[in-house]
Amino acid sequence: MGLSLSLLLAAAGAVLLWAVQCIGRGLNIHTVGVILLIVGIVGFVTLAVLPVELGCFGNGRNDTTTVVRDRVVQQ
């Protein structure tokens, strides 16, 4: 889950929690909003604090190989 998806989930959860007025039976839309808001915030904080450890940026590899070439000098 990327940073943009985390922010999108948090925004959708906030809208469902505070902006939608729906009275119905079965599915509580405010509960869904709280769940989405929490998942979005946890995902954002996790990806913002631990980007290197999770390999979220770049290609996910840890390239630490050093290539050394000897130059041949002819006398």
N, C-alpha and C. Protein backbone atom coordinates (compact mmCIF):
# COMPACT_ATOMS: atom_id res chain seq x y z
N MET A 1 0.85 -1.16 0.00
CA MET A 1 0.00 0.00 0.00
C MET A 1 0.91 1.23 0.00
N GLY A 2 0.72 2.11 -0.95
CA GLY A 2 1.54 3.30 -1.05
C GLY A 2 1.00 4.46 -0.24
N LEU A 3 1.77 5.51 -0.22
CA LEU A 3 1.36 6.70 0.53
C LEU A 3 0.08 7.31 -0.03
N SER A 4 -0.03 7.34 -1.35
CA SER A 4 -1.23 7.94 -1.93
C SER A 4 -2.47 7.11 -1.63
N LEU A 5 -2.35 5.78 -1.63
CA LEU A 5 -3.50 4.95 -1.29
C LEU A 5 -3.88 5.12 0.18
N SER A 6 -2.89 5.27 1.04
CA SER A 6 -3.17 5.50 2.46
C SER A 6 -3.93 6.80 2.66
N LEU A 7 -3.48 7.85 1.99
CA LEU A 7 -4.18 9.13 2.10
C LEU A 7 -5.58 9.05 1.51
N LEU A 8 -5.75 8.31 0.43
CA LEU A 8 -7.07 8.15 -0.18
C LEU A 8 -8.02 7.40 0.76
N LEU A 9 -7.52 6.34 1.41
CA LEU A 9 -8.36 5.61 2.36
C LEU A 9 -8.73 6.48 3.56
N ALA A 10 -7.78 7.25 4.06
CA ALA A 10 -8.07 8.13 5.19
C ALA A 10 -9.08 9.19 4.81
N ALA A 11 -8.96 9.75 3.61
CA ALA A 11 -9.91 10.78 3.16
C ALA A 11 -11.30 10.18 2.97
N ALA A 12 -11.36 9.01 2.37
CA ALA A 12 -12.67 8.36 2.17
C ALA A 12 -13.31 8.02 3.52
N GLY A 13 -12.50 7.56 4.46
CA GLY A 13 -13.02 7.25 5.79
C GLY A 13 -13.53 8.49 6.50
N ALA A 14 -12.80 9.61 6.36
CA ALA A 14 -13.24 10.85 6.99
C ALA A 14 -14.55 11.34 6.38
N VAL A 15 -14.69 11.21 5.08
CA VAL A 15 -15.94 11.62 4.42
C VAL A 15 -17.10 10.76 4.90
N LEU A 16 -16.88 9.44 4.95
CA LEU A 16 -17.96 8.56 5.40
C LEU A 16 -18.31 8.79 6.87
N LEU A 17 -17.31 9.15 7.65
CA LEU A 17 -17.55 9.33 9.08
C LEU A 17 -18.26 10.64 9.39
N TRP A 18 -17.79 11.74 8.79
CA TRP A 18 -18.29 13.04 9.19
C TRP A 18 -19.22 13.73 8.19
N ALA A 19 -19.18 13.36 6.91
CA ALA A 19 -19.96 14.10 5.92
C ALA A 19 -21.21 13.38 5.45
N VAL A 20 -21.28 12.09 5.64
CA VAL A 20 -22.42 11.33 5.12
C VAL A 20 -23.43 11.13 6.24
N GLN A 21 -24.66 11.51 5.97
CA GLN A 21 -25.76 11.29 6.89
C GLN A 21 -26.66 10.22 6.30
N CYS A 22 -26.55 9.03 6.84
CA CYS A 22 -27.31 7.91 6.29
C CYS A 22 -27.89 7.11 7.44
N ILE A 23 -29.19 6.89 7.38
CA ILE A 23 -29.85 6.07 8.38
C ILE A 23 -30.38 4.84 7.66
N GLY A 24 -29.88 3.71 8.06
CA GLY A 24 -30.31 2.48 7.41
C GLY A 24 -30.11 1.29 8.33
N ARG A 25 -30.44 0.14 7.81
CA ARG A 25 -30.31 -1.08 8.60
C ARG A 25 -29.23 -1.94 7.98
N GLY A 26 -28.56 -2.68 8.81
CA GLY A 26 -27.54 -3.59 8.31
C GLY A 26 -26.15 -3.00 8.44
N LEU A 27 -25.69 -2.34 7.41
CA LEU A 27 -24.33 -1.80 7.36
C LEU A 27 -24.31 -0.39 7.94
N ASN A 28 -23.49 -0.19 8.94
CA ASN A 28 -23.34 1.14 9.54
C ASN A 28 -22.23 1.86 8.79
N ILE A 29 -22.58 2.89 8.04
CA ILE A 29 -21.63 3.60 7.19
C ILE A 29 -20.59 4.34 8.01
N HIS A 30 -20.93 4.76 9.22
CA HIS A 30 -19.96 5.45 10.07
C HIS A 30 -18.89 4.50 10.58
N THR A 31 -19.26 3.25 10.85
CA THR A 31 -18.28 2.25 11.26
C THR A 31 -17.31 1.96 10.13
N VAL A 32 -17.80 1.87 8.91
CA VAL A 32 -16.94 1.68 7.75
C VAL A 32 -15.99 2.87 7.61
N GLY A 33 -16.48 4.07 7.86
CA GLY A 33 -15.65 5.26 7.80
C GLY A 33 -14.54 5.24 8.84
N VAL A 34 -14.86 4.80 10.05
CA VAL A 34 -13.85 4.72 11.10
C VAL A 34 -12.78 3.70 10.73
N ILE A 35 -13.20 2.56 10.21
CA ILE A 35 -12.24 1.51 9.81
C ILE A 35 -11.33 2.01 8.71
N LEU A 36 -11.89 2.64 7.68
CA LEU A 36 -11.06 3.16 6.59
C LEU A 36 -10.12 4.25 7.06
N LEU A 37 -10.60 5.10 7.94
CA LEU A 37 -9.75 6.18 8.48
C LEU A 37 -8.59 5.61 9.27
N ILE A 38 -8.83 4.62 10.10
CA ILE A 38 -7.76 4.02 10.89
C ILE A 38 -6.76 3.29 10.01
N VAL A 39 -7.24 2.52 9.04
CA VAL A 39 -6.34 1.81 8.13
C VAL A 39 -5.49 2.79 7.33
N GLY A 40 -6.09 3.87 6.87
CA GLY A 40 -5.35 4.88 6.11
C GLY A 40 -4.28 5.57 6.95
N ILE A 41 -4.61 5.92 8.18
CA ILE A 41 -3.65 6.59 9.05
C ILE A 41 -2.51 5.65 9.43
N VAL A 42 -2.83 4.41 9.78
CA VAL A 42 -1.78 3.44 10.13
C VAL A 42 -0.87 3.18 8.93
N GLY A 43 -1.45 3.03 7.75
CA GLY A 43 -0.64 2.83 6.55
C GLY A 43 0.24 4.02 6.24
N PHE A 44 -0.28 5.22 6.39
CA PHE A 44 0.50 6.42 6.12
C PHE A 44 1.65 6.56 7.10
N VAL A 45 1.37 6.38 8.39
CA VAL A 45 2.42 6.50 9.40
C VAL A 45 3.49 5.43 9.21
N THR A 46 3.07 4.22 8.91
CA THR A 46 4.03 3.14 8.69
C THR A 46 4.93 3.44 7.50
N LEU A 47 4.36 3.88 6.41
CA LEU A 47 5.15 4.15 5.22
C LEU A 47 5.97 5.43 5.34
N ALA A 48 5.53 6.38 6.15
CA ALA A 48 6.28 7.61 6.31
C ALA A 48 7.45 7.43 7.27
N VAL A 49 7.30 6.57 8.26
CA VAL A 49 8.33 6.39 9.26
C VAL A 49 9.35 5.33 8.84
N LEU A 50 8.92 4.28 8.17
CA LEU A 50 9.80 3.16 7.85
C LEU A 50 9.93 2.92 6.35
N PRO A 51 10.24 3.93 5.53
CA PRO A 51 10.27 3.69 4.09
C PRO A 51 11.44 2.82 3.64
N VAL A 52 12.59 2.95 4.26
CA VAL A 52 13.76 2.20 3.82
C VAL A 52 13.65 0.74 4.23
N GLU A 53 13.20 0.49 5.44
CA GLU A 53 13.10 -0.88 5.92
C GLU A 53 12.07 -1.70 5.15
N LEU A 54 11.02 -1.06 4.69
CA LEU A 54 9.98 -1.77 3.95
C LEU A 54 10.26 -1.87 2.46
N GLY A 55 11.25 -1.13 1.98
CA GLY A 55 11.57 -1.18 0.56
C GLY A 55 10.49 -0.54 -0.30
N CYS A 56 9.88 0.52 0.18
CA CYS A 56 8.77 1.14 -0.54
C CYS A 56 9.23 2.07 -1.65
N PHE A 57 10.46 2.54 -1.56
CA PHE A 57 10.94 3.45 -2.58
C PHE A 57 12.01 2.76 -3.40
N GLY A 58 12.12 3.13 -4.63
CA GLY A 58 13.09 2.48 -5.51
C GLY A 58 12.57 1.14 -5.96
N ASN A 59 13.48 0.22 -6.21
CA ASN A 59 13.07 -1.08 -6.72
C ASN A 59 12.98 -2.12 -5.62
N GLY A 60 13.18 -1.74 -4.38
CA GLY A 60 13.05 -2.67 -3.28
C GLY A 60 14.30 -3.48 -3.01
N ARG A 61 15.34 -3.25 -3.79
CA ARG A 61 16.58 -3.99 -3.59
C ARG A 61 17.55 -3.13 -2.80
N ASN A 62 18.46 -3.78 -2.16
CA ASN A 62 19.50 -3.11 -1.42
C ASN A 62 20.81 -3.35 -2.16
N ASP A 63 21.14 -2.50 -3.11
CA ASP A 63 22.35 -2.68 -3.91
C ASP A 63 23.55 -2.16 -3.13
N THR A 64 24.35 -3.09 -2.64
CA THR A 64 25.55 -2.70 -1.92
C THR A 64 26.79 -3.32 -2.56
N THR A 65 26.67 -3.76 -3.80
CA THR A 65 27.77 -4.39 -4.49
C THR A 65 28.70 -3.32 -5.04
N THR A 66 29.98 -3.49 -4.78
CA THR A 66 30.99 -2.57 -5.30
C THR A 66 31.76 -3.28 -6.40
N VAL A 67 31.80 -2.67 -7.55
CA VAL A 67 32.51 -3.24 -8.69
C VAL A 67 33.87 -2.56 -8.79
N VAL A 68 34.92 -3.39 -8.76
CA VAL A 68 36.28 -2.88 -8.86
C VAL A 68 36.92 -3.49 -10.09
N ARG A 69 37.47 -2.65 -10.94
CA ARG A 69 38.16 -3.13 -12.14
C ARG A 69 39.60 -2.64 -12.08
N ASP A 70 40.49 -3.56 -12.32
CA ASP A 70 41.91 -3.22 -12.34
C ASP A 70 42.27 -2.72 -13.72
N ARG A 71 43.03 -1.68 -13.75
CA ARG A 71 43.49 -1.14 -15.02
C ARG A 71 44.85 -1.76 -15.35
N VAL A 72 44.92 -2.35 -16.50
CA VAL A 72 46.16 -2.98 -16.92
C VAL A 72 47.02 -1.96 -17.61
N VAL A 73 48.23 -1.79 -17.11
CA VAL A 73 49.16 -0.84 -17.68
C VAL A 73 50.30 -1.64 -18.32
N GLN A 74 50.49 -1.44 -19.61
CA GLN A 74 51.56 -2.13 -20.31
C GLN A 74 52.82 -1.27 -20.30
N GLN A 75 53.97 -1.93 -20.12
CA GLN A 75 55.22 -1.17 -20.07
C GLN A 75 55.98 -1.29 -21.35
